[in-house]
Amino acid sequence: MPTHAELAGRLLRDAAKFFRTVGEQNNTLQPQMEENANVFDQVATLVEQDPNGSIEDEEGGDDSSLA
């Protein structure tokens, strides 16, 4: 049975595939859809590798507004 983090990673990767598919079907949207897909893939990797990790804001502190 997958963990919540594994499930979240799969969902994020599936969403990335969706964005890429939309981009393949619409050249006008392709650059934005590829950027979206890349972000979703990056977040999936973060969730899978460090499910309890946190993101620091630009000043180096935790950004609790993301929680």
Foldseek 3Di string as FASTA:
>chain_A
DDDPLLVLLVVLQVQLVVLCVVCVVDVVCVVVSNVSSVVSNVVSVCSVVPVPDFDADPVGHGDVVVD
